[in-house]
PDB file of N, CA and C in Angstrom:
ATOM      1  N   MET A   1       0.920  -1.201  -0.486  1.00  0.00           N
ATOM      2  CA  MET A   1      -0.201  -0.128  -0.087  1.00  0.00           C
ATOM      3  C   MET A   1       0.650   1.203  -0.004  1.00  0.00           C
ATOM      4  N   SER A   2       0.470   1.842  -0.712  1.00  0.00           N
ATOM      5  CA  SER A   2       1.292   3.424  -0.715  1.00  0.00           C
ATOM      6  C   SER A   2       1.327   4.092   0.694  1.00  0.00           C
ATOM      7  N   GLY A   3       2.624   4.719   0.658  1.00  0.00           N
ATOM      8  CA  GLY A   3       2.840   5.544   1.720  1.00  0.00           C
ATOM      9  C   GLY A   3       1.797   7.132   1.689  1.00  0.00           C
ATOM     10  N   ASN A   4       1.313   7.125   0.641  1.00  0.00           N
ATOM     11  CA  ASN A   4       0.264   8.355   0.737  1.00  0.00           C
ATOM     12  C   ASN A   4      -1.588   8.396   1.739  1.00  0.00           C
ATOM     13  N   ILE A   5      -2.034   6.917   1.589  1.00  0.00           N
ATOM     14  CA  ILE A   5      -2.648   6.344   1.688  1.00  0.00           C
ATOM     15  C   ILE A   5      -2.678   5.845   3.448  1.00  0.00           C
ATOM     16  N   VAL A   6      -3.887   6.134   4.609  1.00  0.00           N
ATOM     17  CA  VAL A   6      -3.803   6.154   6.004  1.00  0.00           C
ATOM     18  C   VAL A   6      -5.009   5.088   5.908  1.00  0.00           C
ATOM     19  N   ASN A   7      -4.765   3.790   6.710  1.00  0.00           N
ATOM     20  CA  ASN A   7      -5.518   3.088   7.279  1.00  0.00           C
ATOM     21  C   ASN A   7      -5.783   3.676   8.839  1.00  0.00           C
ATOM     22  N   THR A   8      -7.488   4.215   8.867  1.00  0.00           N
ATOM     23  CA  THR A   8      -7.600   4.400  10.229  1.00  0.00           C
ATOM     24  C   THR A   8      -8.303   3.978  10.891  1.00  0.00           C
ATOM     25  N   THR A   9      -8.536   3.666  12.007  1.00  0.00           N
ATOM     26  CA  THR A   9      -9.578   2.686  12.954  1.00  0.00           C
ATOM     27  C   THR A   9     -10.677   3.679  13.572  1.00  0.00           C
ATOM     28  N   ASP A  10     -11.421   3.419  14.297  1.00  0.00           N
ATOM     29  CA  ASP A  10     -12.222   4.002  15.017  1.00  0.00           C
ATOM     30  C   ASP A  10     -12.062   5.447  16.158  1.00  0.00           C
ATOM     31  N   THR A  11     -10.893   4.824  16.814  1.00  0.00           N
ATOM     32  CA  THR A  11     -10.162   5.179  17.933  1.00  0.00           C
ATOM     33  C   THR A  11      -9.532   6.640  17.020  1.00  0.00           C
ATOM     34  N   ASN A  12      -9.298   6.592  15.821  1.00  0.00           N
ATOM     35  CA  ASN A  12      -7.979   8.007  15.232  1.00  0.00           C
ATOM     36  C   ASN A  12      -8.723   8.188  13.554  1.00  0.00           C
ATOM     37  N   PHE A  13      -9.830   8.035  14.029  1.00  0.00           N
ATOM     38  CA  PHE A  13     -10.588   8.744  12.853  1.00  0.00           C
ATOM     39  C   PHE A  13     -10.959   9.785  12.839  1.00  0.00           C
ATOM     40  N   GLU A  14     -11.194  11.155  13.780  1.00  0.00           N
ATOM     41  CA  GLU A  14     -11.343  11.920  14.326  1.00  0.00           C
ATOM     42  C   GLU A  14      -9.872  12.781  13.999  1.00  0.00           C
ATOM     43  N   THR A  15      -8.907  12.488  14.186  1.00  0.00           N
ATOM     44  CA  THR A  15      -7.581  13.052  14.116  1.00  0.00           C
ATOM     45  C   THR A  15      -7.053  13.164  12.732  1.00  0.00           C
ATOM     46  N   ASP A  16      -7.172  11.657  11.677  1.00  0.00           N
ATOM     47  CA  ASP A  16      -6.978  11.614  10.611  1.00  0.00           C
ATOM     48  C   ASP A  16      -8.224  12.313   9.506  1.00  0.00           C
ATOM     49  N   VAL A  17      -8.826  11.927  10.040  1.00  0.00           N
ATOM     50  CA  VAL A  17      -9.932  12.739   9.020  1.00  0.00           C
ATOM     51  C   VAL A  17     -10.761  13.820   9.352  1.00  0.00           C
ATOM     52  N   LEU A  18     -11.348  14.308  10.522  1.00  0.00           N
ATOM     53  CA  LEU A  18     -12.079  15.437  10.992  1.00  0.00           C
ATOM     54  C   LEU A  18     -11.302  16.358  11.051  1.00  0.00           C
ATOM     55  N   LYS A  19     -10.211  16.518  11.601  1.00  0.00           N
ATOM     56  CA  LYS A  19      -8.871  17.128  12.043  1.00  0.00           C
ATOM     57  C   LYS A  19      -8.261  17.410  10.688  1.00  0.00           C
ATOM     58  N   SER A  20      -8.055  16.644   9.337  1.00  0.00           N
ATOM     59  CA  SER A  20      -7.301  17.301   8.460  1.00  0.00           C
ATOM     60  C   SER A  20      -7.360  18.447   8.044  1.00  0.00           C
ATOM     61  N   ASP A  21      -5.931  18.822   8.010  1.00  0.00           N
ATOM     62  CA  ASP A  21      -6.001  20.397   6.962  1.00  0.00           C
ATOM     63  C   ASP A  21      -6.443  20.495   6.045  1.00  0.00           C
ATOM     64  N   VAL A  22      -6.605  19.343   5.065  1.00  0.00           N
ATOM     65  CA  VAL A  22      -6.789  19.171   3.345  1.00  0.00           C
ATOM     66  C   VAL A  22      -8.166  18.260   3.470  1.00  0.00           C
ATOM     67  N   PRO A  23      -8.430  18.203   2.172  1.00  0.00           N
ATOM     68  CA  PRO A  23      -9.864  17.674   1.998  1.00  0.00           C
ATOM     69  C   PRO A  23      -9.000  16.357   2.348  1.00  0.00           C
ATOM     70  N   VAL A  24     -10.652  14.991   2.343  1.00  0.00           N
ATOM     71  CA  VAL A  24      -9.742  13.818   3.004  1.00  0.00           C
ATOM     72  C   VAL A  24     -11.311  12.805   2.300  1.00  0.00           C
ATOM     73  N   LEU A  25     -10.653  12.081   1.207  1.00  0.00           N
ATOM     74  CA  LEU A  25     -11.606  10.616   0.446  1.00  0.00           C
ATOM     75  C   LEU A  25     -11.281  10.155   1.756  1.00  0.00           C
ATOM     76  N   VAL A  26     -12.000   9.088   1.890  1.00  0.00           N
ATOM     77  CA  VAL A  26     -12.557   8.454   3.134  1.00  0.00           C
ATOM     78  C   VAL A  26     -12.967   7.216   1.944  1.00  0.00           C
ATOM     79  N   ASP A  27     -12.115   6.083   2.137  1.00  0.00           N
ATOM     80  CA  ASP A  27     -12.582   4.907   1.241  1.00  0.00           C
ATOM     81  C   ASP A  27     -12.975   3.941   2.588  1.00  0.00           C
ATOM     82  N   PHE A  28     -14.490   3.628   2.658  1.00  0.00           N
ATOM     83  CA  PHE A  28     -15.460   2.511   3.342  1.00  0.00           C
ATOM     84  C   PHE A  28     -14.908   1.029   2.507  1.00  0.00           C
ATOM     85  N   TRP A  29     -14.354  -0.041   3.329  1.00  0.00           N
ATOM     86  CA  TRP A  29     -14.068  -0.875   2.288  1.00  0.00           C
ATOM     87  C   TRP A  29     -14.286  -2.206   3.477  1.00  0.00           C
ATOM     88  N   ALA A  30     -14.329  -3.585   2.398  1.00  0.00           N
ATOM     89  CA  ALA A  30     -13.639  -4.395   3.568  1.00  0.00           C
ATOM     90  C   ALA A  30     -12.954  -5.955   2.484  1.00  0.00           C
ATOM     91  N   GLY A  31     -12.196  -6.369   3.555  1.00  0.00           N
ATOM     92  CA  GLY A  31     -11.623  -7.849   2.165  1.00  0.00           C
ATOM     93  C   GLY A  31     -12.297  -8.614   1.749  1.00  0.00           C
ATOM     94  N   TRP A  32     -13.307  -8.496   2.120  1.00  0.00           N
ATOM     95  CA  TRP A  32     -14.092  -9.769   1.308  1.00  0.00           C
ATOM     96  C   TRP A  32     -14.540  -9.251   0.044  1.00  0.00           C
ATOM     97  N   CYS A  33     -14.574  -7.547  -0.150  1.00  0.00           N
ATOM     98  CA  CYS A  33     -15.240  -7.034  -1.703  1.00  0.00           C
ATOM     99  C   CYS A  33     -14.757  -7.038  -2.451  1.00  0.00           C
ATOM    100  N   ALA A  34     -14.825  -7.321  -3.811  1.00  0.00           N
ATOM    101  CA  ALA A  34     -13.977  -7.816  -4.799  1.00  0.00           C
ATOM    102  C   ALA A  34     -14.163  -6.100  -5.622  1.00  0.00           C
ATOM    103  N   PRO A  35     -15.894  -5.649  -5.574  1.00  0.00           N
ATOM    104  CA  PRO A  35     -15.110  -3.898  -6.306  1.00  0.00           C
ATOM    105  C   PRO A  35     -14.136  -3.193  -5.378  1.00  0.00           C
ATOM    106  N   CYS A  36     -13.812  -3.319  -3.987  1.00  0.00           N
ATOM    107  CA  CYS A  36     -13.675  -2.699  -3.283  1.00  0.00           C
ATOM    108  C   CYS A  36     -11.781  -2.996  -3.307  1.00  0.00           C
ATOM    109  N   LYS A  37     -11.305  -4.526  -3.486  1.00  0.00           N
ATOM    110  CA  LYS A  37     -10.484  -4.640  -4.886  1.00  0.00           C
ATOM    111  C   LYS A  37     -10.030  -4.003  -5.734  1.00  0.00           C
ATOM    112  N   ALA A  38     -10.877  -3.945  -6.607  1.00  0.00           N
ATOM    113  CA  ALA A  38     -11.457  -3.357  -8.082  1.00  0.00           C
ATOM    114  C   ALA A  38     -10.138  -2.113  -7.702  1.00  0.00           C
ATOM    115  N   ILE A  39     -11.148  -0.966  -7.104  1.00  0.00           N
ATOM    116  CA  ILE A  39     -10.770   0.091  -6.847  1.00  0.00           C
ATOM    117  C   ILE A  39      -9.374   0.847  -6.338  1.00  0.00           C
ATOM    118  N   ALA A  40      -8.808  -0.639  -5.258  1.00  0.00           N
ATOM    119  CA  ALA A  40      -7.695  -0.192  -4.734  1.00  0.00           C
ATOM    120  C   ALA A  40      -6.774   0.528  -5.512  1.00  0.00           C
ATOM    121  N   PRO A  41      -6.562  -0.013  -6.870  1.00  0.00           N
ATOM    122  CA  PRO A  41      -5.397   0.599  -7.584  1.00  0.00           C
ATOM    123  C   PRO A  41      -5.262   2.137  -8.074  1.00  0.00           C
ATOM    124  N   VAL A  42      -6.832   2.018  -8.428  1.00  0.00           N
ATOM    125  CA  VAL A  42      -7.028   3.563  -8.808  1.00  0.00           C
ATOM    126  C   VAL A  42      -7.137   4.528  -7.627  1.00  0.00           C
ATOM    127  N   LEU A  43      -6.904   4.152  -6.179  1.00  0.00           N
ATOM    128  CA  LEU A  43      -6.748   4.680  -5.396  1.00  0.00           C
ATOM    129  C   LEU A  43      -5.373   5.468  -5.022  1.00  0.00           C
ATOM    130  N   GLU A  44      -4.407   4.014  -4.855  1.00  0.00           N
ATOM    131  CA  GLU A  44      -3.001   3.725  -4.979  1.00  0.00           C
ATOM    132  C   GLU A  44      -2.416   5.528  -6.061  1.00  0.00           C
ATOM    133  N   ALA A  45      -3.229   5.347  -6.934  1.00  0.00           N
ATOM    134  CA  ALA A  45      -2.818   6.133  -8.395  1.00  0.00           C
ATOM    135  C   ALA A  45      -3.076   7.351  -7.721  1.00  0.00           C
ATOM    136  N   LEU A  46      -4.016   7.697  -7.421  1.00  0.00           N
ATOM    137  CA  LEU A  46      -5.083   8.863  -7.365  1.00  0.00           C
ATOM    138  C   LEU A  46      -4.168   9.564  -5.707  1.00  0.00           C
ATOM    139  N   SER A  47      -3.744   8.788  -4.529  1.00  0.00           N
ATOM    140  CA  SER A  47      -2.709   9.299  -3.240  1.00  0.00           C
ATOM    141  C   SER A  47      -1.652   9.781  -4.249  1.00  0.00           C
ATOM    142  N   SER A  48      -0.845   9.492  -4.972  1.00  0.00           N
ATOM    143  CA  SER A  48      -0.109   9.909  -5.304  1.00  0.00           C
ATOM    144  C   SER A  48      -0.599  11.351  -6.281  1.00  0.00           C
ATOM    145  N   GLU A  49      -1.376  11.315  -7.460  1.00  0.00           N
ATOM    146  CA  GLU A  49      -1.222  12.310  -8.146  1.00  0.00           C
ATOM    147  C   GLU A  49      -1.684  13.635  -7.177  1.00  0.00           C
ATOM    148  N   TYR A  50      -2.692  13.453  -5.854  1.00  0.00           N
ATOM    149  CA  TYR A  50      -3.267  14.339  -5.342  1.00  0.00           C
ATOM    150  C   TYR A  50      -2.182  14.251  -3.579  1.00  0.00           C
ATOM    151  N   GLU A  51      -0.781  14.054  -3.680  1.00  0.00           N
ATOM    152  CA  GLU A  51      -0.222  14.062  -2.471  1.00  0.00           C
ATOM    153  C   GLU A  51      -0.077  15.634  -2.390  1.00  0.00           C
ATOM    154  N   GLY A  52      -0.614  15.476  -1.257  1.00  0.00           N
ATOM    155  CA  GLY A  52      -0.557  17.454  -0.552  1.00  0.00           C
ATOM    156  C   GLY A  52      -1.828  17.763  -0.503  1.00  0.00           C
ATOM    157  N   LYS A  53      -2.733  17.613  -1.334  1.00  0.00           N
ATOM    158  CA  LYS A  53      -3.802  18.523  -1.867  1.00  0.00           C
ATOM    159  C   LYS A  53      -5.394  17.864  -1.655  1.00  0.00           C
ATOM    160  N   VAL A  54      -5.000  16.693  -1.263  1.00  0.00           N
ATOM    161  CA  VAL A  54      -6.190  15.667  -0.807  1.00  0.00           C
ATOM    162  C   VAL A  54      -5.345  14.139  -0.615  1.00  0.00           C
ATOM    163  N   LYS A  55      -5.933  13.689   1.187  1.00  0.00           N
ATOM    164  CA  LYS A  55      -5.630  12.757   1.650  1.00  0.00           C
ATOM    165  C   LYS A  55      -6.555  12.051   1.650  1.00  0.00           C
ATOM    166  N   ILE A  56      -5.749  10.719   1.214  1.00  0.00           N
ATOM    167  CA  ILE A  56      -6.660   9.116   1.089  1.00  0.00           C
ATOM    168  C   ILE A  56      -6.742   8.553   2.185  1.00  0.00           C
ATOM    169  N   VAL A  57      -7.867   8.208   2.927  1.00  0.00           N
ATOM    170  CA  VAL A  57      -7.826   7.204   4.117  1.00  0.00           C
ATOM    171  C   VAL A  57      -9.134   6.053   3.789  1.00  0.00           C
ATOM    172  N   LYS A  58      -8.444   4.832   4.573  1.00  0.00           N
ATOM    173  CA  LYS A  58      -9.769   3.943   4.436  1.00  0.00           C
ATOM    174  C   LYS A  58     -10.054   3.693   5.724  1.00  0.00           C
ATOM    175  N   VAL A  59     -10.762   3.036   5.477  1.00  0.00           N
ATOM    176  CA  VAL A  59     -11.813   2.305   6.758  1.00  0.00           C
ATOM    177  C   VAL A  59     -12.508   0.942   6.943  1.00  0.00           C
ATOM    178  N   ASP A  60     -11.502   0.472   7.275  1.00  0.00           N
ATOM    179  CA  ASP A  60     -12.375  -1.238   6.991  1.00  0.00           C
ATOM    180  C   ASP A  60     -13.170  -1.911   7.672  1.00  0.00           C
ATOM    181  N   VAL A  61     -14.882  -1.709   6.786  1.00  0.00           N
ATOM    182  CA  VAL A  61     -15.982  -1.478   8.015  1.00  0.00           C
ATOM    183  C   VAL A  61     -15.938  -2.182   9.130  1.00  0.00           C
ATOM    184  N   THR A  62     -15.178  -4.128   8.535  1.00  0.00           N
ATOM    185  CA  THR A  62     -14.910  -4.990   9.520  1.00  0.00           C
ATOM    186  C   THR A  62     -14.454  -4.983  11.205  1.00  0.00           C
ATOM    187  N   SER A  63     -13.325  -3.547  10.780  1.00  0.00           N
ATOM    188  CA  SER A  63     -13.161  -3.290  12.038  1.00  0.00           C
ATOM    189  C   SER A  63     -13.446  -2.239  12.429  1.00  0.00           C
ATOM    190  N   CYS A  64     -14.009  -1.661  11.969  1.00  0.00           N
ATOM    191  CA  CYS A  64     -14.022  -0.420  12.252  1.00  0.00           C
ATOM    192  C   CYS A  64     -15.596  -0.004  12.057  1.00  0.00           C
ATOM    193  N   GLU A  65     -16.335  -0.766  12.834  1.00  0.00           N
ATOM    194  CA  GLU A  65     -17.807  -0.999  12.897  1.00  0.00           C
ATOM    195  C   GLU A  65     -18.528   0.495  13.209  1.00  0.00           C
ATOM    196  N   ALA A  66     -17.631   1.392  14.205  1.00  0.00           N
ATOM    197  CA  ALA A  66     -18.682   2.004  14.976  1.00  0.00           C
ATOM    198  C   ALA A  66     -18.866   3.800  13.574  1.00  0.00           C
ATOM    199  N   THR A  67     -17.401   3.293  13.018  1.00  0.00           N
ATOM    200  CA  THR A  67     -17.298   4.332  11.985  1.00  0.00           C
ATOM    201  C   THR A  67     -17.992   4.214  10.914  1.00  0.00           C
ATOM    202  N   ALA A  68     -18.155   3.367  10.998  1.00  0.00           N
ATOM    203  CA  ALA A  68     -19.178   2.670   9.619  1.00  0.00           C
ATOM    204  C   ALA A  68     -20.830   3.024  10.014  1.00  0.00           C
ATOM    205  N   VAL A  69     -21.442   2.560  11.300  1.00  0.00           N
ATOM    206  CA  VAL A  69     -22.138   2.836  11.782  1.00  0.00           C
ATOM    207  C   VAL A  69     -22.738   4.549  11.729  1.00  0.00           C
ATOM    208  N   ASN A  70     -21.985   5.406  12.349  1.00  0.00           N
ATOM    209  CA  ASN A  70     -21.498   6.530  12.236  1.00  0.00           C
ATOM    210  C   ASN A  70     -22.268   7.400  11.210  1.00  0.00           C
ATOM    211  N   TYR A  71     -21.441   6.989   9.926  1.00  0.00           N
ATOM    212  CA  TYR A  71     -22.132   7.245   8.709  1.00  0.00           C
ATOM    213  C   TYR A  71     -22.758   6.829   7.695  1.00  0.00           C
ATOM    214  N   ASN A  72     -23.593   5.864   8.633  1.00  0.00           N
ATOM    215  CA  ASN A  72     -24.622   5.211   7.559  1.00  0.00           C
ATOM    216  C   ASN A  72     -24.111   4.845   6.121  1.00  0.00           C
ATOM    217  N   ILE A  73     -22.894   3.945   6.687  1.00  0.00           N
ATOM    218  CA  ILE A  73     -22.520   3.144   5.373  1.00  0.00           C
ATOM    219  C   ILE A  73     -23.010   1.342   5.483  1.00  0.00           C
ATOM    220  N   ARG A  74     -24.128   1.528   4.012  1.00  0.00           N
ATOM    221  CA  ARG A  74     -24.732   0.224   3.738  1.00  0.00           C
ATOM    222  C   ARG A  74     -24.257  -0.463   2.658  1.00  0.00           C
ATOM    223  N   ASN A  75     -23.560  -0.048   1.929  1.00  0.00           N
ATOM    224  CA  ASN A  75     -22.900  -0.508   0.818  1.00  0.00           C
ATOM    225  C   ASN A  75     -21.300  -0.231   0.944  1.00  0.00           C
ATOM    226  N   ILE A  76     -20.789  -1.113  -0.099  1.00  0.00           N
ATOM    227  CA  ILE A  76     -18.883  -0.878  -0.197  1.00  0.00           C
ATOM    228  C   ILE A  76     -18.959  -1.127  -1.922  1.00  0.00           C
ATOM    229  N   PRO A  77     -17.764  -0.231  -2.234  1.00  0.00           N
ATOM    230  CA  PRO A  77     -17.102   0.874  -1.651  1.00  0.00           C
ATOM    231  C   PRO A  77     -17.970   1.895  -1.333  1.00  0.00           C
ATOM    232  N   ALA A  78     -17.495   2.607  -0.584  1.00  0.00           N
ATOM    233  CA  ALA A  78     -18.246   3.745  -0.240  1.00  0.00           C
ATOM    234  C   ALA A  78     -17.248   5.339  -0.506  1.00  0.00           C
ATOM    235  N   LEU A  79     -17.357   5.692  -0.510  1.00  0.00           N
ATOM    236  CA  LEU A  79     -16.558   6.994  -0.658  1.00  0.00           C
ATOM    237  C   LEU A  79     -17.179   8.544  -0.384  1.00  0.00           C
ATOM    238  N   LEU A  80     -16.606   8.368   0.693  1.00  0.00           N
ATOM    239  CA  LEU A  80     -17.256   9.945   1.114  1.00  0.00           C
ATOM    240  C   LEU A  80     -15.889  10.719   1.325  1.00  0.00           C
ATOM    241  N   MET A  81     -15.834  12.065   1.174  1.00  0.00           N
ATOM    242  CA  MET A  81     -15.378  13.029   0.933  1.00  0.00           C
ATOM    243  C   MET A  81     -15.569  13.925   2.267  1.00  0.00           C
ATOM    244  N   PHE A  82     -14.490  14.410   2.816  1.00  0.00           N
ATOM    245  CA  PHE A  82     -14.636  15.216   4.054  1.00  0.00           C
ATOM    246  C   PHE A  82     -13.672  16.607   3.744  1.00  0.00           C
ATOM    247  N   LYS A  83     -14.451  17.673   4.035  1.00  0.00           N
ATOM    248  CA  LYS A  83     -13.571  19.285   4.466  1.00  0.00           C
ATOM    249  C   LYS A  83     -14.121  20.037   5.326  1.00  0.00           C
ATOM    250  N   ASN A  84     -13.097  20.150   6.400  1.00  0.00           N
ATOM    251  CA  ASN A  84     -12.951  20.928   7.778  1.00  0.00           C
ATOM    252  C   ASN A  84     -14.227  20.180   8.599  1.00  0.00           C
ATOM    253  N   GLY A  85     -14.236  18.327   8.525  1.00  0.00           N
ATOM    254  CA  GLY A  85     -14.616  17.795   9.383  1.00  0.00           C
ATOM    255  C   GLY A  85     -16.061  17.237   8.736  1.00  0.00           C
ATOM    256  N   GLU A  86     -16.123  17.626   7.502  1.00  0.00           N
ATOM    257  CA  GLU A  86     -17.483  17.638   7.489  1.00  0.00           C
ATOM    258  C   GLU A  86     -17.837  16.684   6.030  1.00  0.00           C
ATOM    259  N   VAL A  87     -18.823  15.933   5.797  1.00  0.00           N
ATOM    260  CA  VAL A  87     -18.845  15.108   4.670  1.00  0.00           C
ATOM    261  C   VAL A  87     -19.576  15.976   3.501  1.00  0.00           C
ATOM    262  N   VAL A  88     -18.879  16.225   2.292  1.00  0.00           N
ATOM    263  CA  VAL A  88     -19.557  17.127   1.454  1.00  0.00           C
ATOM    264  C   VAL A  88     -20.301  16.520   0.305  1.00  0.00           C
ATOM    265  N   ALA A  89     -19.674  15.015  -0.329  1.00  0.00           N
ATOM    266  CA  ALA A  89     -20.011  14.206  -1.098  1.00  0.00           C
ATOM    267  C   ALA A  89     -20.086  13.188  -0.918  1.00  0.00           C
ATOM    268  N   GLN A  90     -20.657  12.125  -1.502  1.00  0.00           N
ATOM    269  CA  GLN A  90     -20.482  10.383  -1.157  1.00  0.00           C
ATOM    270  C   GLN A  90     -20.408   9.676  -3.266  1.00  0.00           C
ATOM    271  N   GLN A  91     -19.966   8.829  -2.981  1.00  0.00           N
ATOM    272  CA  GLN A  91     -19.951   7.953  -4.461  1.00  0.00           C
ATOM    273  C   GLN A  91     -20.028   6.244  -3.808  1.00  0.00           C
ATOM    274  N   VAL A  92     -20.858   6.246  -4.075  1.00  0.00           N
ATOM    275  CA  VAL A  92     -20.885   4.762  -3.702  1.00  0.00           C
ATOM    276  C   VAL A  92     -20.680   3.231  -5.029  1.00  0.00           C
ATOM    277  N   GLY A  93     -20.122   2.666  -4.897  1.00  0.00           N
ATOM    278  CA  GLY A  93     -19.454   1.676  -5.773  1.00  0.00           C
ATOM    279  C   GLY A  93     -18.394   1.647  -6.108  1.00  0.00           C
ATOM    280  N   ALA A  94     -18.027   0.893  -7.006  1.00  0.00           N
ATOM    281  CA  ALA A  94     -16.458   0.854  -7.748  1.00  0.00           C
ATOM    282  C   ALA A  94     -16.907   1.380  -8.909  1.00  0.00           C
ATOM    283  N   VAL A  95     -15.733   2.832  -9.822  1.00  0.00           N
ATOM    284  CA  VAL A  95     -15.999   3.847 -10.647  1.00  0.00           C
ATOM    285  C   VAL A  95     -15.186   3.675 -10.994  1.00  0.00           C
ATOM    286  N   PRO A  96     -14.717   4.080 -12.523  1.00  0.00           N
ATOM    287  CA  PRO A  96     -13.248   4.541 -13.543  1.00  0.00           C
ATOM    288  C   PRO A  96     -12.383   5.081 -12.814  1.00  0.00           C
ATOM    289  N   LYS A  97     -11.707   5.354 -12.717  1.00  0.00           N
ATOM    290  CA  LYS A  97     -10.133   6.442 -12.665  1.00  0.00           C
ATOM    291  C   LYS A  97     -10.848   7.950 -13.171  1.00  0.00           C
ATOM    292  N   SER A  98     -11.314   8.263 -14.002  1.00  0.00           N
ATOM    293  CA  SER A  98     -11.552   9.098 -14.780  1.00  0.00           C
ATOM    294  C   SER A  98     -12.855   9.687 -13.675  1.00  0.00           C
ATOM    295  N   LYS A  99     -14.713   8.954 -13.379  1.00  0.00           N
ATOM    296  CA  LYS A  99     -14.957   9.426 -12.607  1.00  0.00           C
ATOM    297  C   LYS A  99     -15.358   9.828 -11.120  1.00  0.00           C
ATOM    298  N   LEU A 100     -13.726   9.101 -10.153  1.00  0.00           N
ATOM    299  CA  LEU A 100     -13.286   9.472  -9.216  1.00  0.00           C
ATOM    300  C   LEU A 100     -12.437  10.595  -9.270  1.00  0.00           C
ATOM    301  N   THR A 101     -11.372  10.980 -10.625  1.00  0.00           N
ATOM    302  CA  THR A 101     -11.051  12.494 -10.710  1.00  0.00           C
ATOM    303  C   THR A 101     -11.961  13.350 -10.839  1.00  0.00           C
ATOM    304  N   ALA A 102     -12.788  13.332 -11.523  1.00  0.00           N
ATOM    305  CA  ALA A 102     -13.754  14.013 -11.544  1.00  0.00           C
ATOM    306  C   ALA A 102     -14.358  14.542 -10.556  1.00  0.00           C
ATOM    307  N   PHE A 103     -14.772  13.530  -9.737  1.00  0.00           N
ATOM    308  CA  PHE A 103     -15.500  13.426  -7.926  1.00  0.00           C
ATOM    309  C   PHE A 103     -14.343  14.350  -7.354  1.00  0.00           C
ATOM    310  N   ILE A 104     -13.102  14.200  -7.110  1.00  0.00           N
ATOM    311  CA  ILE A 104     -12.072  15.124  -5.973  1.00  0.00           C
ATOM    312  C   ILE A 104     -12.145  16.071  -6.393  1.00  0.00           C
ATOM    313  N   GLU A 105     -12.082  16.493  -8.125  1.00  0.00           N
ATOM    314  CA  GLU A 105     -11.795  17.616  -8.378  1.00  0.00           C
ATOM    315  C   GLU A 105     -13.067  18.187  -7.727  1.00  0.00           C
ATOM    316  N   GLU A 106     -14.413  18.509  -8.165  1.00  0.00           N
ATOM    317  CA  GLU A 106     -15.178  18.720  -7.465  1.00  0.00           C
ATOM    318  C   GLU A 106     -15.548  19.420  -6.867  1.00  0.00           C
ATOM    319  N   HIS A 107     -14.739  18.918  -5.825  1.00  0.00           N
ATOM    320  CA  HIS A 107     -15.144  18.932  -4.174  1.00  0.00           C
ATOM    321  C   HIS A 107     -13.795  18.997  -3.063  1.00  0.00           C
ATOM    322  N   ILE A 108     -12.870  19.550  -4.037  1.00  0.00           N
ATOM    323  CA  ILE A 108     -11.810  19.930  -3.448  1.00  0.00           C
ATOM    324  C   ILE A 108     -11.041  21.472  -3.895  1.00  0.00           C
TER     325      ILE A 108
END
């Protein structure tokens, strides 16, 4: 995994996401989820392309249930964009890199 992607926990979510100085794209995922695995390389590429502009944080819903419940995550992968500690946009499902790039650009 890229050094630019942060794996967070329920305990660290506030620090890693809500208190971030830059916009944060949060990927709610699980190891058993094929579409989640499919977008992982896209997120890797985007983490390098947007280094310093957007932080990418992964939340494993199997080990971070409280955070997943708090944000009403019912389907994965679910991508939430946070700015100043607030959710500003959501994208559910695996999408091509071009759509994720447009999603990020629209909300940074």
